[in-house]
Protein backbone atom coordinates (compact mmCIF):
# COMPACT_ATOMS: atom_id res chain seq x y z
CA MET A 1 11.86 -17.85 28.39
CA LYS A 2 12.26 -14.78 26.20
CA GLU A 3 13.15 -15.15 22.52
CA ILE A 4 16.30 -13.18 21.65
CA CYS A 5 15.29 -12.72 18.00
CA SER A 6 12.08 -10.96 19.07
CA PHE A 7 14.16 -8.16 20.63
CA SER A 8 15.09 -5.00 18.77
CA LEU A 9 18.52 -3.52 19.45
CA GLU A 10 17.01 -0.83 21.66
CA GLU A 11 15.03 -3.39 23.66
CA LEU A 12 18.16 -5.47 24.17
CA LYS A 13 20.08 -2.39 25.34
CA ILE A 14 17.40 -1.83 27.98
CA TRP A 15 17.64 -5.48 29.04
CA MET A 16 21.42 -5.12 29.40
CA GLU A 17 21.06 -2.09 31.66
CA GLN A 18 18.40 -3.80 33.76
CA ASN A 19 20.74 -6.75 34.23
CA GLY A 20 23.78 -4.75 35.24
CA GLU A 21 25.51 -4.81 31.86
CA LYS A 22 26.76 -2.07 29.56
CA PRO A 23 24.29 -1.16 26.76
CA PHE A 24 26.93 -1.64 24.03
CA ARG A 25 26.84 -5.36 24.76
CA ALA A 26 23.50 -5.46 22.90
CA ALA A 27 25.22 -4.53 19.64
CA GLN A 28 27.76 -7.29 20.24
CA VAL A 29 24.96 -9.85 20.64
CA PHE A 30 23.30 -8.61 17.43
CA ASP A 31 26.64 -8.89 15.64
CA TRP A 32 27.12 -12.47 16.78
CA ILE A 33 23.61 -13.50 15.76
CA TYR A 34 23.06 -11.61 12.51
CA ALA A 35 26.61 -11.12 11.17
CA LYS A 36 28.71 -13.92 12.64
CA ASP A 37 26.00 -16.60 12.57
CA ALA A 38 26.50 -17.79 16.14
CA LEU A 39 23.96 -20.44 17.06
CA HIS A 40 24.52 -20.47 20.83
CA PHE A 41 25.54 -17.93 23.44
CA ASP A 42 28.74 -19.76 24.39
CA ALA A 43 30.15 -18.83 20.98
CA MET A 44 30.01 -15.11 21.84
CA THR A 45 33.58 -15.06 23.10
CA ASN A 46 34.10 -11.28 23.42
CA MET A 47 31.63 -11.22 26.32
CA SER A 48 32.12 -12.46 29.86
CA LYS A 49 31.00 -15.93 30.83
CA THR A 50 28.73 -14.32 33.42
CA LEU A 51 26.86 -12.42 30.69
CA ARG A 52 26.73 -15.47 28.42
CA ASP A 53 25.24 -17.48 31.28
CA LYS A 54 22.65 -14.76 31.92
CA LEU A 55 21.66 -14.78 28.25
CA ALA A 56 21.41 -18.58 28.19
CA GLN A 57 19.27 -18.60 31.33
CA GLN A 58 16.82 -15.96 30.15
CA PHE A 59 16.69 -16.31 26.36
CA SER A 60 15.77 -19.11 23.98
CA PHE A 61 18.00 -19.36 20.90
CA PRO A 62 17.69 -20.80 18.38
CA ILE A 63 14.02 -21.76 18.57
CA LEU A 64 13.37 -23.22 15.11
CA LYS A 65 14.36 -26.74 14.20
CA LEU A 66 14.82 -27.60 10.52
CA LEU A 67 13.02 -30.88 9.85
CA LYS A 68 13.22 -31.13 6.08
CA THR A 69 14.51 -29.35 2.97
CA GLN A 70 13.16 -30.05 -0.52
CA GLU A 71 14.77 -28.96 -3.78
CA SER A 72 12.91 -28.35 -7.03
CA GLU A 73 14.01 -30.17 -10.17
CA ASP A 74 15.56 -27.00 -11.60
CA LEU A 75 17.44 -26.38 -8.30
CA GLU A 76 16.06 -22.83 -8.16
CA THR A 77 13.48 -23.32 -5.41
CA PHE A 78 13.98 -24.77 -1.94
CA LYS A 79 11.25 -25.46 0.59
CA TYR A 80 11.99 -25.64 4.32
CA LEU A 81 9.87 -27.32 6.96
CA TRP A 82 10.42 -25.88 10.43
CA GLU A 83 9.36 -27.21 13.81
CA LEU A 84 8.37 -24.54 16.34
CA PRO A 85 8.96 -24.80 20.11
CA ASP A 86 5.43 -26.17 20.65
CA HIS A 87 6.03 -28.77 17.87
CA LYS A 88 3.73 -27.05 15.39
CA ARG A 89 5.16 -26.66 11.91
CA VAL A 90 5.46 -24.02 9.21
CA GLU A 91 7.07 -23.80 5.79
CA SER A 92 9.12 -21.15 4.03
CA VAL A 93 10.65 -20.99 0.56
CA LEU A 94 13.91 -19.77 -0.96
CA ILE A 95 13.71 -18.73 -4.61
CA LEU A 96 16.84 -18.23 -6.73
CA SER A 97 16.39 -15.88 -9.69
CA GLY A 98 19.44 -14.30 -11.28
CA ASP A 99 21.24 -12.44 -8.51
CA ARG A 100 18.14 -12.44 -6.31
CA ARG A 101 17.83 -14.65 -3.27
CA THR A 102 14.24 -14.24 -2.14
CA VAL A 103 12.78 -15.82 0.99
CA CYS A 104 9.01 -16.31 1.16
CA ILE A 105 8.19 -16.07 4.87
CA SER A 106 5.31 -17.52 6.90
CA CYS A 107 3.83 -15.42 9.71
CA GLN A 108 1.13 -17.76 11.09
CA VAL A 109 0.53 -21.46 11.63
CA GLY A 110 -2.24 -21.96 9.11
CA CYS A 111 -4.19 -18.96 7.87
CA PRO A 112 -7.52 -17.32 8.78
CA ALA A 113 -8.20 -16.04 5.24
CA ARG A 114 -9.21 -19.42 3.76
CA CYS A 115 -8.87 -18.25 0.14
CA ALA A 116 -10.49 -20.70 -2.25
CA PHE A 117 -7.29 -21.51 -4.18
CA CYS A 118 -4.81 -21.71 -1.28
CA ALA A 119 -3.61 -24.68 0.76
CA SER A 120 -2.46 -22.59 3.74
CA GLY A 121 -5.94 -21.84 5.06
CA LYS A 122 -7.65 -25.17 4.46
CA GLU A 123 -7.71 -25.90 8.20
CA GLY A 124 -7.90 -22.30 9.38
CA LEU A 125 -5.60 -20.53 11.81
CA LEU A 126 -3.88 -22.33 14.69
CA ARG A 127 -1.80 -19.44 16.04
CA ASN A 128 0.36 -16.45 15.23
CA LEU A 129 4.13 -16.73 14.99
CA SER A 130 6.28 -14.63 17.28
CA ALA A 131 8.69 -12.12 15.77
CA ALA A 132 11.53 -14.54 16.56
CA GLU A 133 9.80 -17.40 14.75
CA ILE A 134 9.51 -15.14 11.71
CA VAL A 135 13.06 -13.79 11.93
CA GLU A 136 14.69 -17.18 12.41
CA GLN A 137 13.27 -18.49 9.13
CA VAL A 138 15.44 -15.93 7.36
CA LEU A 139 18.33 -16.23 9.79
CA HIS A 140 18.88 -19.94 9.12
CA ILE A 141 18.37 -19.70 5.36
CA ASN A 142 20.76 -16.75 5.20
CA ARG A 143 23.32 -18.76 7.16
CA GLN A 144 23.17 -21.50 4.52
CA LEU A 145 23.55 -18.98 1.70
CA LYS A 146 26.51 -17.24 3.33
CA ALA A 147 28.36 -20.55 3.38
CA LYS A 148 28.25 -20.30 -0.44
CA GLY A 149 29.24 -16.64 -0.54
CA GLU A 150 25.64 -15.45 -1.03
CA ARG A 151 22.99 -13.84 1.15
CA VAL A 152 19.25 -13.19 1.28
CA SER A 153 18.47 -10.15 -0.85
CA HIS A 154 14.65 -9.94 -0.89
CA LEU A 155 11.87 -10.87 1.53
CA VAL A 156 8.20 -11.49 0.81
CA PHE A 157 5.53 -12.09 3.42
CA MET A 158 3.65 -14.41 1.08
CA GLY A 159 4.01 -17.72 2.90
CA MET A 160 1.49 -19.12 5.35
CA GLY A 161 -0.69 -16.57 7.11
CA GLU A 162 -2.23 -13.11 6.76
CA PRO A 163 0.42 -10.58 7.89
CA MET A 164 -2.12 -7.95 8.95
CA GLU A 165 -3.64 -10.41 11.43
CA ASN A 166 -0.24 -10.76 13.14
CA TYR A 167 0.58 -7.10 12.78
CA ASP A 168 2.89 -6.40 15.74
CA ALA A 169 5.13 -9.43 15.22
CA VAL A 170 5.37 -8.80 11.46
CA VAL A 171 6.33 -5.13 11.94
CA LYS A 172 8.90 -6.06 14.62
CA ALA A 173 10.40 -8.65 12.25
CA ILE A 174 10.54 -6.10 9.41
CA GLN A 175 12.36 -3.65 11.67
CA ILE A 176 14.97 -6.31 12.50
CA PHE A 177 15.31 -7.30 8.83
CA HIS A 178 15.86 -3.67 7.86
CA ALA A 179 18.10 -2.58 10.75
CA GLU A 180 21.78 -2.13 9.91
CA GLU A 181 22.66 -4.15 13.02
CA GLY A 182 20.24 -6.86 11.86
CA PHE A 183 20.07 -8.06 8.26
CA GLY A 184 20.39 -4.61 6.67
CA ILE A 185 17.85 -5.38 3.94
CA SER A 186 16.45 -2.33 2.15
CA GLN A 187 12.75 -1.64 2.72
CA ARG A 188 12.39 -1.55 -1.06
CA ARG A 189 13.29 -5.23 -1.04
CA ILE A 190 10.67 -6.22 1.54
CA THR A 191 7.13 -6.99 0.39
CA VAL A 192 4.01 -7.62 2.47
CA SER A 193 0.99 -9.30 0.90
CA THR A 194 -2.52 -8.94 2.34
CA VAL A 195 -6.01 -10.09 1.39
CA GLY A 196 -7.21 -6.60 2.31
CA VAL A 197 -7.39 -6.03 6.07
CA VAL A 198 -8.28 -2.35 5.77
CA GLU A 199 -7.32 -1.19 9.27
CA GLY A 200 -3.97 -2.96 8.95
CA ILE A 201 -3.21 -1.27 5.63
CA HIS A 202 -3.96 2.16 7.10
CA LYS A 203 -1.86 1.39 10.20
CA LEU A 204 1.12 0.19 8.14
CA ALA A 205 0.99 3.39 6.08
CA LYS A 206 1.65 5.37 9.27
CA GLU A 207 4.68 3.34 10.33
CA GLU A 208 8.17 4.66 9.63
CA LEU A 209 8.46 1.94 7.00
CA LYS A 210 8.11 2.09 3.25
CA VAL A 211 7.85 -1.58 2.37
CA ASN A 212 6.08 -2.75 -0.76
CA LEU A 213 2.44 -3.69 -0.23
CA VAL A 214 0.67 -6.22 -2.41
CA LEU A 215 -3.07 -6.86 -2.43
CA SER A 216 -4.41 -10.32 -3.15
CA LEU A 217 -7.19 -9.07 -5.39
CA HIS A 218 -8.08 -12.11 -7.53
CA ALA A 219 -11.38 -10.68 -8.83
CA PRO A 220 -12.65 -7.66 -10.78
CA ASN A 221 -15.66 -7.08 -8.51
CA GLN A 222 -17.02 -7.73 -5.03
CA HIS A 223 -19.41 -10.48 -6.13
CA ILE A 224 -16.67 -12.76 -7.47
CA ARG A 225 -14.19 -11.75 -4.79
CA LYS A 226 -16.51 -12.89 -2.00
CA LYS A 227 -16.59 -16.35 -3.59
CA ILE A 228 -12.81 -16.55 -3.72
CA ILE A 229 -11.82 -14.69 -0.54
CA PRO A 230 -14.11 -15.04 2.50
CA TYR A 231 -12.48 -11.94 4.06
CA ALA A 232 -14.13 -9.90 1.29
CA ARG A 233 -17.43 -10.30 3.16
CA LYS A 234 -15.93 -8.18 5.96
CA TYR A 235 -14.04 -5.67 3.84
CA PRO A 236 -15.96 -4.12 0.92
CA PHE A 237 -14.18 -3.94 -2.42
CA GLU A 238 -14.15 -0.14 -2.60
CA GLU A 239 -12.78 0.28 0.95
CA VAL A 240 -9.90 -2.10 0.25
CA LEU A 241 -8.95 -0.32 -2.97
CA MET A 242 -9.15 3.08 -1.26
CA ALA A 243 -6.89 1.84 1.54
CA MET A 244 -4.33 0.60 -1.00
CA ASP A 245 -4.45 3.93 -2.82
CA ALA A 246 -3.91 5.77 0.48
CA TYR A 247 -0.92 3.54 1.26
CA ALA A 248 0.62 4.33 -2.11
CA LYS A 249 0.20 8.07 -1.58
CA GLU A 250 1.59 7.97 1.96
CA THR A 251 4.65 5.83 1.15
CA LYS A 252 5.25 6.80 -2.50
CA ARG A 253 5.21 3.12 -3.41
CA ASP A 254 3.40 1.83 -6.50
CA ILE A 255 0.60 -0.65 -5.88
CA THR A 256 0.76 -4.29 -6.94
CA TYR A 257 -2.33 -6.44 -7.30
CA GLU A 258 -2.03 -10.21 -7.34
CA TYR A 259 -4.57 -11.98 -9.49
CA THR A 260 -4.68 -15.78 -9.41
CA LEU A 261 -6.33 -16.99 -12.60
CA MET A 262 -8.76 -19.89 -12.13
CA ALA A 263 -10.43 -21.47 -15.14
CA GLY A 264 -14.07 -20.46 -15.56
CA ILE A 265 -14.12 -18.36 -12.39
CA ASN A 266 -12.21 -15.12 -12.97
CA ASP A 267 -10.34 -15.60 -16.26
CA ARG A 268 -12.83 -14.57 -18.94
CA PRO A 269 -12.33 -11.63 -21.34
CA GLU A 270 -15.15 -9.73 -19.65
CA HIS A 271 -13.38 -10.14 -16.31
CA ALA A 272 -10.20 -8.72 -17.83
CA ALA A 273 -12.11 -5.77 -19.28
CA GLU A 274 -13.77 -5.07 -15.93
CA LEU A 275 -10.43 -5.25 -14.14
CA ALA A 276 -8.86 -2.92 -16.70
CA ALA A 277 -11.63 -0.36 -16.20
CA LEU A 278 -11.32 -0.63 -12.42
CA LEU A 279 -7.56 0.05 -12.41
CA SER A 280 -7.26 2.38 -15.39
CA ARG A 281 -6.53 5.48 -13.30
CA GLN A 282 -4.05 3.87 -10.91
CA GLN A 283 -0.27 3.68 -11.08
CA CYS A 284 -0.10 -0.05 -10.47
CA THR A 285 1.08 -3.46 -11.59
CA VAL A 286 -1.12 -6.53 -11.95
CA ASN A 287 0.75 -9.75 -11.24
CA LEU A 288 -1.03 -12.62 -12.97
CA ILE A 289 -0.57 -15.98 -11.26
CA PRO A 290 -1.89 -19.11 -13.01
CA TYR A 291 -3.54 -21.31 -10.39
CA ASN A 292 -1.22 -23.91 -8.87
CA PRO A 293 -2.85 -27.26 -8.04
CA VAL A 294 -3.72 -28.04 -4.42
CA ASP A 295 -4.91 -31.48 -3.29
CA GLY A 296 -8.61 -31.53 -2.50
CA LEU A 297 -9.48 -28.35 -4.39
CA ASN A 298 -11.61 -28.70 -7.50
CA LEU A 299 -10.02 -25.84 -9.45
CA GLN A 300 -8.20 -25.73 -12.76
CA ARG A 301 -5.42 -23.63 -14.26
CA PRO A 302 -6.54 -21.74 -17.38
CA LYS A 303 -5.05 -22.63 -20.75
CA ARG A 304 -2.07 -20.62 -21.89
CA GLU A 305 -4.04 -18.84 -24.62
CA THR A 306 -6.63 -17.78 -22.03
CA ILE A 307 -3.93 -16.28 -19.82
CA GLU A 308 -2.33 -14.52 -22.79
CA GLY A 309 -5.71 -13.11 -23.83
CA PHE A 310 -6.41 -11.85 -20.31
CA ARG A 311 -3.02 -10.19 -20.16
CA GLY A 312 -3.51 -8.65 -23.60
CA VAL A 313 -6.70 -6.89 -22.50
CA LEU A 314 -4.90 -5.33 -19.52
CA GLU A 315 -1.91 -4.25 -21.56
CA GLN A 316 -4.10 -2.68 -24.24
CA ALA A 317 -5.62 -0.60 -21.46
CA GLY A 318 -2.15 0.61 -20.48
CA ILE A 319 -1.90 -1.41 -17.26
CA ASN A 320 1.53 -2.74 -16.37
CA THR A 321 1.24 -6.51 -16.14
CA THR A 322 3.56 -9.32 -15.09
CA TRP A 323 2.99 -13.03 -15.45
CA ARG A 324 4.57 -14.90 -12.57
CA TYR A 325 6.65 -17.80 -13.79
CA THR A 326 5.74 -20.78 -11.63
CA LYS A 327 8.68 -22.01 -9.59
CA GLY A 328 8.68 -24.90 -7.15
CA LYS A 329 5.42 -26.48 -8.26
CA ASP A 330 7.02 -29.94 -8.24
CA ILE A 331 7.72 -29.63 -4.48
CA ALA A 332 4.46 -27.79 -3.65
CA ALA A 333 6.38 -24.58 -3.00
CA ALA A 334 4.61 -22.38 -5.57
CA CYS A 335 2.11 -19.63 -4.79
CA GLY A 336 -0.84 -21.01 -2.82
CA GLN A 337 0.73 -24.41 -2.20
CA LEU A 338 2.29 -23.97 1.27
CA ALA A 339 0.21 -26.10 3.60
CA LEU A 340 -0.24 -26.79 7.27
CA VAL A 341 2.01 -29.78 8.05
CA LYS A 342 0.88 -31.73 11.08
CA GLU A 343 3.12 -33.26 13.72
CA HIS A 344 2.34 -36.84 12.74
CA SER A 345 3.03 -36.34 9.01
């Protein structure tokens, strides 16, 4: 069966015409799903029973099943475990920060990148998510928030998976998130993170989208980066940075580089100085992320004074720097901690 949340409004209009219905019915379906929070076609009472039956016969909805929700001790981070139609599982995270309600979305079951510090890729990639499986993560979380008079305000593709390796589904999901008839979320509030899939970065720059793009850099040079990110063996350091620069020029968006600090690996003063020299001519932000512990990985978080020293070197060089406050570590919902959850767990 088709997945209704993988359809854009235009695609659903075409389906309506092909099935003997008026195209405006597509907007009604979108309204029921994305504005009125209907969870089955029978609830769409301003449409004929014949049309509702057609929809139910040809479309699956909803397709995600919520298995578990975990709350952090500070009640500002919530982790969701979803079961997919084939019984595989993914996780997503809701982060509360001031007025922001940010959902960290997964786009793959597992991850092909296998970054040294990250739980998501420990067992590699099992499969891509469909656009509907991506969209429904936000749909169901937004439904919960709306019950409290709130709504999702920001989206980050920083959960499980490499977005550029599931390009078509990720772009389709972004279009639905941004569409007025969908979630109506500004492109400025949507962020895509990549380990540096060069052809994907160039392709995204040509889309009629201006989402924020973040590069998982994590090293000041190719030698160290290849140790941390296996994908770096395929995509040379200079090519990745040039692609990011081209994206910034095409979209008029500033560049953000994520840099996970790991004790003794990439956190020394000389690493900071090398990174500062590398980025000195760019309009960018470096987001420093102290390593979050992952079972089975023999890595350590640097001491606070080491992180402060690293940041100081960058700031002295005039580079805008943020230090990500760790949220959700107690429920393994922090950066790098989302893991492949198996059916028998």
